[in-house]
């Protein structure tokens, strides 16, 4: 479940303690934060191996933390970029070369707090001290681990599988910033239109909100008349990040 992938990861990389957890605030969601160790030595090409020279004081290589996600805890997808917790300048003036997430997370209102152990030392003793270590707190907004991102210069479209729902309103966790937008349409499972709920009828979703209620011109926000019927969601999005959606009472 947690190992480097041939042809996907660079040669001579290792995966360490993944810190896998069941995410408490969404159904069927598992998260892991494995550190990925990038070896300098015992590999190719020569330009990479040169970094393993003790005179460079880099040890055997640096280490970054990536994000993995799963719906069942057994089949995982990895999201290596943007890197979850990378190397470089950190608060306190540290020049970090290894990052390790602590296990679990803490919710404070609409924020997720996580903690990480970070060190200026390279793996296997690089820099040979003195070096500094620290525990840093990371803060992010609720549920914002991965997103469906759309390009800035053109609109893209997402179409869901047919689904049934309960509830009265559709709520998005999304960030369009100022110049992006999202529109959502509802259509029947066979692809035919539902009058008043088309993509073009949707009032633009504009802004950076955790709980934006979708609205349609002439229909408002109430979708309860469609509850229990198979429908598809058609989502038009440009220059935006769609994090999550759900139907609510």
Foldseek 3Di string as FASTA:
>chain_A
DDFDDPPPDDPPKGWDDFLKDADPPDAQKIKTKIKIWHFQDPDDDPVSVVCCPLVVLQHGGFIFIWMWMGRHVPDIDTDPPPTPGAAQADPVGARWRYKDWDHDWDDDPQKIKTKIKTWNHHPHQGPVDDIDIDIDIDIDGHQPDAWDFAEAPDKDKDKAQWDAAAAFWKWFQKAQDARKWKFKAKQANVPHHDPQRGRVQWDTDGHGDGTDTTAGVPGGGTPRVRHPGTIMMMMMIHSMTTRDMHHHD
